[in-house]
Amino acid sequence: MATPKTLVLPGSTRTGSYNVKLAALAVKELALIDVDVTRISLEDYPLPIYEDDLEANAGAPANAVKLKQMIMAHHGVFIASPEYSASVSPMLKNAIDWVSHVYERGELTYAAFKRSVFAISSASPGRFGGLRALMALRQILELGCGALVIPEQVAIAQADHAFDEKDNIADTGTANLLRAQLARLVDMARMMM
């Protein structure tokens, strides 16, 4: 059976970010099931704040093109999103906005979001585990960009106590939910090959 390429993207670059930790754990879990996995950081793709006039005058920044091509080179994308004011981080939203406006010759609108399947998760010290960010992110990806986002999602509450000393999820039930979500992502990504 062919192995889909899977991209892991944390929506935060903050030192000590629970979502960077969650992304690292997703990479480890995907490697255990022999998936070809790539982890990137938005820090490596700095972008100006999206603005129509900027795009009209200068075109898409090189990093927006590179990020779009990175997404399109993978069959599955796992996003670990922090929650900012009951929504996604400005950095993640800005990256999605730029990628959604990169068009290369002969491509359909939102091409990067229609060739991959997405899985979304969040870790937050709050009691909802970033669930509100996941609702917003699902709306952005599905309604805004036309992406296929699997229904399974994981919101890890009280993330400041959720990870053990090896950065694994301490609660077995939550850890199993993440593994099931990743397995579903891989199964769906195979269909995109």
N, C-alpha and C. Protein backbone atom coordinates (compact mmCIF):
# COMPACT_ATOMS: atom_id res chain seq x y z
N MET A 1 0.84 -1.18 0.00
CA MET A 1 0.00 0.00 0.00
C MET A 1 0.89 1.24 0.00
N ALA A 2 0.55 2.22 -0.84
CA ALA A 2 1.35 3.44 -0.96
C ALA A 2 1.28 4.26 0.33
N THR A 3 2.37 4.96 0.61
CA THR A 3 2.44 5.80 1.80
C THR A 3 2.21 7.25 1.42
N PRO A 4 1.17 7.87 1.96
CA PRO A 4 0.93 9.27 1.65
C PRO A 4 1.93 10.17 2.37
N LYS A 5 2.23 11.28 1.74
CA LYS A 5 3.08 12.28 2.36
C LYS A 5 2.20 13.17 3.23
N THR A 6 2.63 13.39 4.47
CA THR A 6 1.83 14.17 5.41
C THR A 6 2.64 15.33 5.95
N LEU A 7 2.03 16.50 5.94
CA LEU A 7 2.65 17.72 6.44
C LEU A 7 2.09 18.04 7.81
N VAL A 8 2.96 18.39 8.75
CA VAL A 8 2.53 18.79 10.09
C VAL A 8 2.92 20.24 10.29
N LEU A 9 1.94 21.03 10.69
CA LEU A 9 2.11 22.47 10.78
C LEU A 9 1.54 23.01 12.10
N PRO A 10 2.38 23.47 13.02
CA PRO A 10 1.85 24.15 14.20
C PRO A 10 1.49 25.59 13.85
N GLY A 11 0.38 26.07 14.37
CA GLY A 11 -0.07 27.43 14.09
C GLY A 11 0.52 28.44 15.04
N SER A 12 1.60 28.08 15.70
CA SER A 12 2.27 28.96 16.65
C SER A 12 3.78 28.77 16.52
N THR A 13 4.52 29.79 16.85
CA THR A 13 5.98 29.69 16.90
C THR A 13 6.50 30.08 18.28
N ARG A 14 5.58 30.29 19.21
CA ARG A 14 5.94 30.73 20.55
C ARG A 14 6.80 29.70 21.27
N THR A 15 7.82 30.16 21.95
CA THR A 15 8.65 29.27 22.77
C THR A 15 7.76 28.62 23.83
N GLY A 16 7.83 27.31 23.94
CA GLY A 16 7.03 26.59 24.92
C GLY A 16 5.59 26.37 24.49
N SER A 17 5.26 26.63 23.24
CA SER A 17 3.89 26.47 22.74
C SER A 17 3.42 25.03 22.89
N TYR A 18 2.22 24.87 23.41
CA TYR A 18 1.62 23.54 23.53
C TYR A 18 1.30 22.96 22.15
N ASN A 19 1.03 23.82 21.20
CA ASN A 19 0.72 23.34 19.85
C ASN A 19 1.96 22.96 19.07
N VAL A 20 3.08 23.57 19.36
CA VAL A 20 4.35 23.10 18.81
C VAL A 20 4.64 21.70 19.38
N LYS A 21 4.36 21.54 20.67
CA LYS A 21 4.53 20.24 21.32
C LYS A 21 3.59 19.20 20.72
N LEU A 22 2.34 19.60 20.47
CA LEU A 22 1.36 18.70 19.86
C LEU A 22 1.78 18.31 18.44
N ALA A 23 2.31 19.26 17.70
CA ALA A 23 2.78 18.97 16.34
C ALA A 23 3.94 17.99 16.38
N ALA A 24 4.85 18.18 17.31
CA ALA A 24 5.99 17.26 17.44
C ALA A 24 5.50 15.85 17.79
N LEU A 25 4.50 15.77 18.65
CA LEU A 25 3.93 14.47 19.00
C LEU A 25 3.25 13.84 17.79
N ALA A 26 2.55 14.63 16.98
CA ALA A 26 1.92 14.11 15.76
C ALA A 26 2.97 13.54 14.81
N VAL A 27 4.10 14.22 14.69
CA VAL A 27 5.19 13.71 13.84
C VAL A 27 5.65 12.35 14.35
N LYS A 28 5.83 12.26 15.65
CA LYS A 28 6.30 11.01 16.26
C LYS A 28 5.28 9.88 16.03
N GLU A 29 4.01 10.17 16.23
CA GLU A 29 2.96 9.15 16.04
C GLU A 29 2.85 8.74 14.58
N LEU A 30 2.96 9.69 13.67
CA LEU A 30 2.90 9.36 12.24
C LEU A 30 4.10 8.52 11.82
N ALA A 31 5.27 8.82 12.37
CA ALA A 31 6.46 8.03 12.05
C ALA A 31 6.30 6.58 12.53
N LEU A 32 5.59 6.39 13.65
CA LEU A 32 5.37 5.05 14.17
C LEU A 32 4.50 4.20 13.26
N ILE A 33 3.68 4.86 12.43
CA ILE A 33 2.86 4.09 11.48
C ILE A 33 3.42 4.22 10.06
N ASP A 34 4.73 4.51 10.00
CA ASP A 34 5.49 4.52 8.74
C ASP A 34 4.93 5.47 7.69
N VAL A 35 4.61 6.67 8.11
CA VAL A 35 4.14 7.70 7.19
C VAL A 35 5.32 8.61 6.84
N ASP A 36 5.38 9.03 5.60
CA ASP A 36 6.37 9.99 5.14
C ASP A 36 5.90 11.36 5.64
N VAL A 37 6.52 11.86 6.70
CA VAL A 37 6.03 13.07 7.37
C VAL A 37 7.06 14.19 7.32
N THR A 38 6.55 15.40 7.13
CA THR A 38 7.38 16.61 7.13
C THR A 38 6.77 17.59 8.11
N ARG A 39 7.61 18.15 8.97
CA ARG A 39 7.14 19.18 9.91
C ARG A 39 7.78 20.50 9.52
N ILE A 40 6.95 21.53 9.44
CA ILE A 40 7.47 22.86 9.14
C ILE A 40 7.04 23.83 10.24
N SER A 41 7.65 25.00 10.22
CA SER A 41 7.29 26.08 11.13
C SER A 41 6.96 27.31 10.30
N LEU A 42 5.92 28.01 10.68
CA LEU A 42 5.59 29.25 9.98
C LEU A 42 6.68 30.30 10.15
N GLU A 43 7.52 30.11 11.13
CA GLU A 43 8.67 31.00 11.34
C GLU A 43 9.60 30.97 10.12
N ASP A 44 9.61 29.86 9.41
CA ASP A 44 10.46 29.72 8.22
C ASP A 44 9.81 30.32 6.97
N TYR A 45 8.58 30.81 7.10
CA TYR A 45 7.85 31.40 5.98
C TYR A 45 7.28 32.76 6.40
N PRO A 46 8.14 33.70 6.78
CA PRO A 46 7.61 35.00 7.23
C PRO A 46 6.84 35.70 6.11
N LEU A 47 5.70 36.26 6.48
CA LEU A 47 4.83 36.90 5.49
C LEU A 47 4.32 38.23 6.04
N PRO A 48 4.17 39.23 5.15
CA PRO A 48 3.52 40.46 5.59
C PRO A 48 2.04 40.19 5.86
N ILE A 49 1.38 41.08 6.55
CA ILE A 49 -0.05 40.93 6.76
C ILE A 49 -0.74 41.03 5.40
N TYR A 50 -1.64 40.07 5.13
CA TYR A 50 -2.31 40.05 3.83
C TYR A 50 -3.13 41.32 3.64
N GLU A 51 -3.01 41.88 2.44
CA GLU A 51 -3.76 43.07 2.08
C GLU A 51 -3.89 43.09 0.56
N ASP A 52 -5.09 43.32 0.05
CA ASP A 52 -5.34 43.25 -1.39
C ASP A 52 -4.42 44.14 -2.21
N ASP A 53 -4.21 45.37 -1.77
CA ASP A 53 -3.37 46.28 -2.54
C ASP A 53 -1.93 45.79 -2.61
N LEU A 54 -1.45 45.22 -1.52
CA LEU A 54 -0.09 44.69 -1.51
C LEU A 54 0.03 43.57 -2.55
N GLU A 55 -0.95 42.69 -2.58
CA GLU A 55 -0.93 41.60 -3.56
C GLU A 55 -1.05 42.14 -4.98
N ALA A 56 -1.94 43.11 -5.19
CA ALA A 56 -2.15 43.66 -6.53
C ALA A 56 -0.89 44.36 -7.06
N ASN A 57 -0.17 45.03 -6.18
CA ASN A 57 1.01 45.79 -6.60
C ASN A 57 2.28 44.95 -6.70
N ALA A 58 2.43 43.99 -5.81
CA ALA A 58 3.69 43.24 -5.76
C ALA A 58 3.52 41.75 -6.04
N GLY A 59 2.29 41.27 -6.10
CA GLY A 59 2.07 39.83 -6.25
C GLY A 59 2.28 39.11 -4.94
N ALA A 60 2.12 37.82 -4.96
CA ALA A 60 2.28 37.03 -3.74
C ALA A 60 3.76 36.98 -3.35
N PRO A 61 4.07 37.13 -2.06
CA PRO A 61 5.45 37.01 -1.61
C PRO A 61 6.00 35.61 -1.90
N ALA A 62 7.31 35.53 -2.08
CA ALA A 62 7.96 34.24 -2.38
C ALA A 62 7.64 33.20 -1.31
N ASN A 63 7.57 33.61 -0.04
CA ASN A 63 7.27 32.64 1.02
C ASN A 63 5.85 32.10 0.94
N ALA A 64 4.91 32.91 0.43
CA ALA A 64 3.55 32.41 0.23
C ALA A 64 3.53 31.34 -0.85
N VAL A 65 4.29 31.57 -1.91
CA VAL A 65 4.38 30.59 -2.99
C VAL A 65 5.04 29.31 -2.48
N LYS A 66 6.12 29.45 -1.71
CA LYS A 66 6.81 28.27 -1.17
C LYS A 66 5.91 27.48 -0.22
N LEU A 67 5.16 28.18 0.63
CA LEU A 67 4.27 27.51 1.56
C LEU A 67 3.15 26.79 0.81
N LYS A 68 2.61 27.42 -0.19
CA LYS A 68 1.57 26.79 -1.01
C LYS A 68 2.11 25.52 -1.68
N GLN A 69 3.31 25.62 -2.23
CA GLN A 69 3.91 24.46 -2.89
C GLN A 69 4.21 23.35 -1.89
N MET A 70 4.58 23.71 -0.66
CA MET A 70 4.82 22.72 0.39
C MET A 70 3.52 21.97 0.71
N ILE A 71 2.43 22.71 0.84
CA ILE A 71 1.14 22.07 1.13
C ILE A 71 0.75 21.15 -0.03
N MET A 72 0.91 21.63 -1.25
CA MET A 72 0.51 20.84 -2.42
C MET A 72 1.37 19.60 -2.63
N ALA A 73 2.56 19.58 -2.06
CA ALA A 73 3.45 18.42 -2.19
C ALA A 73 3.07 17.29 -1.24
N HIS A 74 2.04 17.51 -0.41
CA HIS A 74 1.62 16.52 0.58
C HIS A 74 0.16 16.14 0.36
N HIS A 75 -0.16 14.90 0.71
CA HIS A 75 -1.52 14.39 0.55
C HIS A 75 -2.39 14.70 1.76
N GLY A 76 -1.75 14.82 2.92
CA GLY A 76 -2.44 15.11 4.17
C GLY A 76 -1.73 16.24 4.90
N VAL A 77 -2.53 17.05 5.62
CA VAL A 77 -1.98 18.16 6.40
C VAL A 77 -2.60 18.13 7.79
N PHE A 78 -1.74 18.09 8.80
CA PHE A 78 -2.18 18.15 10.20
C PHE A 78 -1.82 19.53 10.74
N ILE A 79 -2.82 20.26 11.23
CA ILE A 79 -2.58 21.59 11.81
C ILE A 79 -2.89 21.55 13.30
N ALA A 80 -1.92 21.98 14.10
CA ALA A 80 -2.10 22.14 15.54
C ALA A 80 -2.28 23.64 15.80
N SER A 81 -3.50 24.04 16.12
CA SER A 81 -3.83 25.46 16.20
C SER A 81 -4.02 25.94 17.62
N PRO A 82 -3.32 26.99 18.01
CA PRO A 82 -3.63 27.61 19.30
C PRO A 82 -4.93 28.40 19.19
N GLU A 83 -5.45 28.81 20.34
CA GLU A 83 -6.66 29.64 20.35
C GLU A 83 -6.28 31.06 20.78
N TYR A 84 -6.64 32.01 19.95
CA TYR A 84 -6.44 33.42 20.25
C TYR A 84 -7.81 34.10 20.19
N SER A 85 -8.28 34.60 21.30
CA SER A 85 -9.56 35.31 21.35
C SER A 85 -10.68 34.51 20.68
N ALA A 86 -10.78 33.24 21.01
CA ALA A 86 -11.81 32.33 20.51
C ALA A 86 -11.70 32.09 19.01
N SER A 87 -10.49 32.23 18.46
CA SER A 87 -10.28 31.97 17.04
C SER A 87 -8.86 31.46 16.82
N VAL A 88 -8.43 31.43 15.57
CA VAL A 88 -7.09 30.95 15.23
C VAL A 88 -6.06 32.06 15.46
N SER A 89 -4.81 31.68 15.51
CA SER A 89 -3.75 32.67 15.68
C SER A 89 -3.66 33.56 14.45
N PRO A 90 -3.32 34.83 14.63
CA PRO A 90 -3.18 35.72 13.47
C PRO A 90 -2.14 35.19 12.48
N MET A 91 -1.07 34.58 12.96
CA MET A 91 -0.03 34.05 12.08
C MET A 91 -0.59 32.95 11.17
N LEU A 92 -1.37 32.04 11.74
CA LEU A 92 -1.95 30.95 10.96
C LEU A 92 -2.97 31.49 9.96
N LYS A 93 -3.85 32.37 10.39
CA LYS A 93 -4.86 32.95 9.49
C LYS A 93 -4.20 33.69 8.34
N ASN A 94 -3.15 34.46 8.64
CA ASN A 94 -2.45 35.21 7.61
C ASN A 94 -1.81 34.27 6.59
N ALA A 95 -1.22 33.18 7.07
CA ALA A 95 -0.61 32.20 6.16
C ALA A 95 -1.67 31.58 5.25
N ILE A 96 -2.82 31.23 5.81
CA ILE A 96 -3.91 30.67 5.00
C ILE A 96 -4.38 31.69 3.97
N ASP A 97 -4.54 32.94 4.39
CA ASP A 97 -4.98 33.98 3.46
C ASP A 97 -4.01 34.12 2.29
N TRP A 98 -2.72 34.16 2.57
CA TRP A 98 -1.74 34.29 1.49
C TRP A 98 -1.75 33.06 0.57
N VAL A 99 -1.73 31.88 1.17
CA VAL A 99 -1.70 30.66 0.36
C VAL A 99 -2.95 30.57 -0.51
N SER A 100 -4.07 31.01 0.01
CA SER A 100 -5.32 30.93 -0.75
C SER A 100 -5.32 31.88 -1.95
N HIS A 101 -4.40 32.83 -1.99
CA HIS A 101 -4.34 33.79 -3.10
C HIS A 101 -3.17 33.55 -4.05
N VAL A 102 -2.48 32.45 -3.88
CA VAL A 102 -1.38 32.12 -4.80
C VAL A 102 -1.95 31.27 -5.93
N TYR A 103 -1.89 31.82 -7.12
CA TYR A 103 -2.37 31.09 -8.30
C TYR A 103 -1.20 30.92 -9.26
N GLU A 104 -0.99 29.71 -9.67
CA GLU A 104 0.01 29.45 -10.68
C GLU A 104 -0.73 28.99 -11.94
N ARG A 105 -0.09 29.11 -13.05
CA ARG A 105 -0.71 28.89 -14.35
C ARG A 105 -1.60 27.65 -14.39
N GLY A 106 -2.85 27.87 -14.80
CA GLY A 106 -3.78 26.77 -15.02
C GLY A 106 -4.40 26.16 -13.77
N GLU A 107 -4.13 26.72 -12.60
CA GLU A 107 -4.67 26.13 -11.37
C GLU A 107 -6.06 26.67 -11.05
N LEU A 108 -6.82 25.84 -10.37
CA LEU A 108 -8.11 26.27 -9.86
C LEU A 108 -7.91 27.17 -8.65
N THR A 109 -8.93 27.95 -8.33
CA THR A 109 -8.91 28.76 -7.13
C THR A 109 -8.75 27.86 -5.91
N TYR A 110 -7.95 28.27 -4.96
CA TYR A 110 -7.71 27.52 -3.71
C TYR A 110 -7.11 26.14 -3.97
N ALA A 111 -6.30 26.03 -4.99
CA ALA A 111 -5.73 24.73 -5.40
C ALA A 111 -5.03 24.01 -4.26
N ALA A 112 -4.29 24.73 -3.43
CA ALA A 112 -3.52 24.08 -2.35
C ALA A 112 -4.43 23.39 -1.34
N PHE A 113 -5.65 23.88 -1.21
CA PHE A 113 -6.55 23.32 -0.21
C PHE A 113 -7.44 22.21 -0.77
N LYS A 114 -7.41 22.03 -2.07
CA LYS A 114 -8.28 21.02 -2.68
C LYS A 114 -7.56 19.75 -3.08
N ARG A 115 -6.24 19.73 -2.91
CA ARG A 115 -5.46 18.55 -3.30
C ARG A 115 -4.99 17.76 -2.09
N SER A 116 -5.32 18.22 -0.90
CA SER A 116 -4.90 17.55 0.32
C SER A 116 -6.11 17.39 1.23
N VAL A 117 -5.99 16.49 2.18
CA VAL A 117 -7.01 16.35 3.22
C VAL A 117 -6.40 16.89 4.50
N PHE A 118 -7.20 17.55 5.33
CA PHE A 118 -6.72 18.24 6.52
C PHE A 118 -7.28 17.61 7.79
N ALA A 119 -6.46 17.65 8.84
CA ALA A 119 -6.88 17.29 10.19
C ALA A 119 -6.48 18.44 11.10
N ILE A 120 -7.34 18.78 12.05
CA ILE A 120 -7.07 19.91 12.93
C ILE A 120 -7.17 19.48 14.38
N SER A 121 -6.25 19.99 15.18
CA SER A 121 -6.24 19.74 16.62
C SER A 121 -5.74 20.98 17.33
N SER A 122 -5.95 21.01 18.63
CA SER A 122 -5.52 22.15 19.42
C SER A 122 -5.18 21.71 20.83
N ALA A 123 -4.28 22.46 21.44
CA ALA A 123 -3.94 22.26 22.86
C ALA A 123 -3.95 23.63 23.51
N SER A 124 -4.66 23.74 24.61
CA SER A 124 -4.79 25.03 25.29
C SER A 124 -4.85 24.81 26.79
N PRO A 125 -4.31 25.74 27.57
CA PRO A 125 -4.41 25.60 29.03
C PRO A 125 -5.83 25.80 29.53
N GLY A 126 -6.72 26.30 28.69
CA GLY A 126 -8.11 26.50 29.08
C GLY A 126 -8.88 25.20 29.16
N ARG A 127 -10.10 25.28 29.66
CA ARG A 127 -10.89 24.07 29.86
C ARG A 127 -11.53 23.53 28.59
N PHE A 128 -11.55 24.34 27.52
CA PHE A 128 -12.12 23.87 26.26
C PHE A 128 -11.07 23.34 25.30
N GLY A 129 -9.81 23.49 25.65
CA GLY A 129 -8.73 22.91 24.84
C GLY A 129 -8.56 23.51 23.46
N GLY A 130 -9.01 24.75 23.28
CA GLY A 130 -8.88 25.37 21.97
C GLY A 130 -10.01 25.01 21.02
N LEU A 131 -11.09 24.46 21.53
CA LEU A 131 -12.21 24.02 20.70
C LEU A 131 -12.78 25.15 19.84
N ARG A 132 -12.83 26.37 20.40
CA ARG A 132 -13.36 27.51 19.64
C ARG A 132 -12.45 27.83 18.45
N ALA A 133 -11.15 27.67 18.64
CA ALA A 133 -10.22 27.88 17.53
C ALA A 133 -10.45 26.84 16.44
N LEU A 134 -10.73 25.61 16.86
CA LEU A 134 -10.98 24.55 15.88
C LEU A 134 -12.25 24.81 15.07
N MET A 135 -13.28 25.34 15.74
CA MET A 135 -14.50 25.69 15.01
C MET A 135 -14.21 26.76 13.97
N ALA A 136 -13.44 27.77 14.36
CA ALA A 136 -13.10 28.85 13.43
C ALA A 136 -12.20 28.33 12.30
N LEU A 137 -11.23 27.49 12.64
CA LEU A 137 -10.32 26.97 11.63
C LEU A 137 -11.05 26.07 10.64
N ARG A 138 -11.96 25.26 11.14
CA ARG A 138 -12.76 24.40 10.25
C ARG A 138 -13.56 25.27 9.27
N GLN A 139 -14.15 26.34 9.76
CA GLN A 139 -14.93 27.24 8.90
C GLN A 139 -14.03 27.88 7.85
N ILE A 140 -12.85 28.33 8.25
CA ILE A 140 -11.92 28.96 7.30
C ILE A 140 -11.52 27.96 6.22
N LEU A 141 -11.13 26.76 6.64
CA LEU A 141 -10.65 25.76 5.68
C LEU A 141 -11.77 25.22 4.80
N GLU A 142 -12.89 24.84 5.40
CA GLU A 142 -13.97 24.22 4.62
C GLU A 142 -14.76 25.24 3.81
N LEU A 143 -15.30 26.25 4.48
CA LEU A 143 -16.16 27.21 3.79
C LEU A 143 -15.35 28.23 3.01
N GLY A 144 -14.26 28.68 3.58
CA GLY A 144 -13.46 29.71 2.92
C GLY A 144 -12.59 29.18 1.80
N CYS A 145 -11.99 28.02 2.01
CA CYS A 145 -11.00 27.51 1.05
C CYS A 145 -11.44 26.24 0.32
N GLY A 146 -12.57 25.67 0.69
CA GLY A 146 -13.05 24.47 0.02
C GLY A 146 -12.27 23.22 0.34
N ALA A 147 -11.59 23.20 1.49
CA ALA A 147 -10.77 22.06 1.88
C ALA A 147 -11.62 20.93 2.45
N LEU A 148 -11.10 19.72 2.32
CA LEU A 148 -11.70 18.55 2.96
C LEU A 148 -11.02 18.40 4.32
N VAL A 149 -11.79 18.60 5.39
CA VAL A 149 -11.28 18.48 6.76
C VAL A 149 -12.00 17.30 7.39
N ILE A 150 -11.23 16.33 7.87
CA ILE A 150 -11.87 15.16 8.47
C ILE A 150 -12.66 15.58 9.71
N PRO A 151 -13.74 14.86 10.02
CA PRO A 151 -14.56 15.26 11.17
C PRO A 151 -13.88 15.07 12.51
N GLU A 152 -12.99 14.09 12.61
CA GLU A 152 -12.30 13.86 13.88
C GLU A 152 -11.37 15.04 14.18
N GLN A 153 -11.48 15.55 15.40
CA GLN A 153 -10.58 16.60 15.84
C GLN A 153 -10.31 16.38 17.32
N VAL A 154 -9.17 16.89 17.78
CA VAL A 154 -8.78 16.70 19.17
C VAL A 154 -8.51 18.06 19.78
N ALA A 155 -9.17 18.35 20.89
CA ALA A 155 -8.96 19.58 21.65
C ALA A 155 -8.45 19.18 23.03
N ILE A 156 -7.19 19.47 23.30
CA ILE A 156 -6.56 19.05 24.55
C ILE A 156 -6.66 20.17 25.57
N ALA A 157 -7.53 19.99 26.55
CA ALA A 157 -7.74 20.98 27.60
C ALA A 157 -6.64 20.90 28.65
N GLN A 158 -6.48 21.99 29.38
CA GLN A 158 -5.48 22.07 30.45
C GLN A 158 -4.13 21.53 29.98
N ALA A 159 -3.72 22.05 28.84
CA ALA A 159 -2.50 21.56 28.19
C ALA A 159 -1.25 21.76 29.04
N ASP A 160 -1.31 22.69 29.98
CA ASP A 160 -0.17 22.89 30.87
C ASP A 160 0.08 21.69 31.77
N HIS A 161 -0.89 20.78 31.85
CA HIS A 161 -0.75 19.55 32.64
C HIS A 161 -0.99 18.30 31.80
N ALA A 162 -1.22 18.46 30.49
CA ALA A 162 -1.64 17.34 29.65
C ALA A 162 -0.49 16.48 29.14
N PHE A 163 0.72 17.02 29.10
CA PHE A 163 1.86 16.30 28.55
C PHE A 163 2.74 15.78 29.68
N ASP A 164 3.27 14.57 29.49
CA ASP A 164 4.18 14.01 30.50
C ASP A 164 5.60 14.50 30.25
N GLU A 165 6.56 13.96 31.01
CA GLU A 165 7.95 14.41 30.92
C GLU A 165 8.61 14.09 29.58
N LYS A 166 8.01 13.18 28.80
CA LYS A 166 8.53 12.85 27.46
C LYS A 166 7.72 13.53 26.36
N ASP A 167 6.88 14.48 26.75
CA ASP A 167 6.01 15.24 25.84
C ASP A 167 4.98 14.38 25.12
N ASN A 168 4.61 13.25 25.74
CA ASN A 168 3.48 12.47 25.27
C ASN A 168 2.24 12.95 26.02
N ILE A 169 1.07 12.67 25.48
CA ILE A 169 -0.17 13.02 26.18
C ILE A 169 -0.34 12.05 27.34
N ALA A 170 -0.50 12.59 28.53
CA ALA A 170 -0.55 11.75 29.73
C ALA A 170 -1.84 10.94 29.81
N ASP A 171 -2.96 11.50 29.40
CA ASP A 171 -4.25 10.81 29.47
C ASP A 171 -4.37 9.81 28.32
N THR A 172 -4.54 8.55 28.63
CA THR A 172 -4.60 7.50 27.63
C THR A 172 -5.74 7.70 26.64
N GLY A 173 -6.90 8.10 27.13
CA GLY A 173 -8.05 8.31 26.25
C GLY A 173 -7.78 9.40 25.22
N THR A 174 -7.20 10.50 25.66
CA THR A 174 -6.88 11.60 24.75
C THR A 174 -5.79 11.19 23.77
N ALA A 175 -4.79 10.46 24.26
CA ALA A 175 -3.72 9.97 23.38
C ALA A 175 -4.29 9.06 22.30
N ASN A 176 -5.25 8.21 22.68
CA ASN A 176 -5.88 7.31 21.70
C ASN A 176 -6.73 8.08 20.68
N LEU A 177 -7.36 9.16 21.13
CA LEU A 177 -8.13 9.99 20.20
C LEU A 177 -7.20 10.61 19.15
N LEU A 178 -6.04 11.08 19.58
CA LEU A 178 -5.08 11.65 18.64
C LEU A 178 -4.60 10.58 17.66
N ARG A 179 -4.28 9.40 18.15
CA ARG A 179 -3.82 8.32 17.26
C ARG A 179 -4.91 7.95 16.25
N ALA A 180 -6.15 7.89 16.70
CA ALA A 180 -7.27 7.56 15.79
C ALA A 180 -7.44 8.67 14.75
N GLN A 181 -7.30 9.92 15.16
CA GLN A 181 -7.40 11.02 14.22
C GLN A 181 -6.31 10.94 13.16
N LEU A 182 -5.08 10.68 13.60
CA LEU A 182 -3.96 10.59 12.66
C LEU A 182 -4.13 9.40 11.70
N ALA A 183 -4.63 8.29 12.22
CA ALA A 183 -4.87 7.13 11.35
C ALA A 183 -5.92 7.45 10.30
N ARG A 184 -6.95 8.16 10.71
CA ARG A 184 -8.01 8.56 9.77
C ARG A 184 -7.45 9.52 8.72
N LEU A 185 -6.60 10.46 9.15
CA LEU A 185 -5.97 11.39 8.21
C LEU A 185 -5.17 10.62 7.16
N VAL A 186 -4.39 9.64 7.60
CA VAL A 186 -3.58 8.85 6.68
C VAL A 186 -4.47 8.07 5.71
N ASP A 187 -5.53 7.47 6.23
CA ASP A 187 -6.46 6.72 5.36
C ASP A 187 -7.07 7.63 4.30
N MET A 188 -7.49 8.81 4.71
CA MET A 188 -8.09 9.74 3.76
C MET A 188 -7.05 10.30 2.79
N ALA A 189 -5.84 10.52 3.29
CA ALA A 189 -4.77 11.05 2.43
C ALA A 189 -4.42 10.05 1.33
N ARG A 190 -4.52 8.77 1.62
CA ARG A 190 -4.27 7.75 0.59
C ARG A 190 -5.22 7.94 -0.59
N MET A 191 -6.41 8.36 -0.31
CA MET A 191 -7.40 8.58 -1.38
C MET A 191 -7.05 9.79 -2.24
N MET A 192 -6.21 10.67 -1.72
CA MET A 192 -5.83 11.87 -2.46
C MET A 192 -4.61 11.61 -3.36
N MET A 193 -4.05 10.41 -3.25
CA MET A 193 -2.84 10.09 -4.03
C MET A 193 -3.18 9.80 -5.49
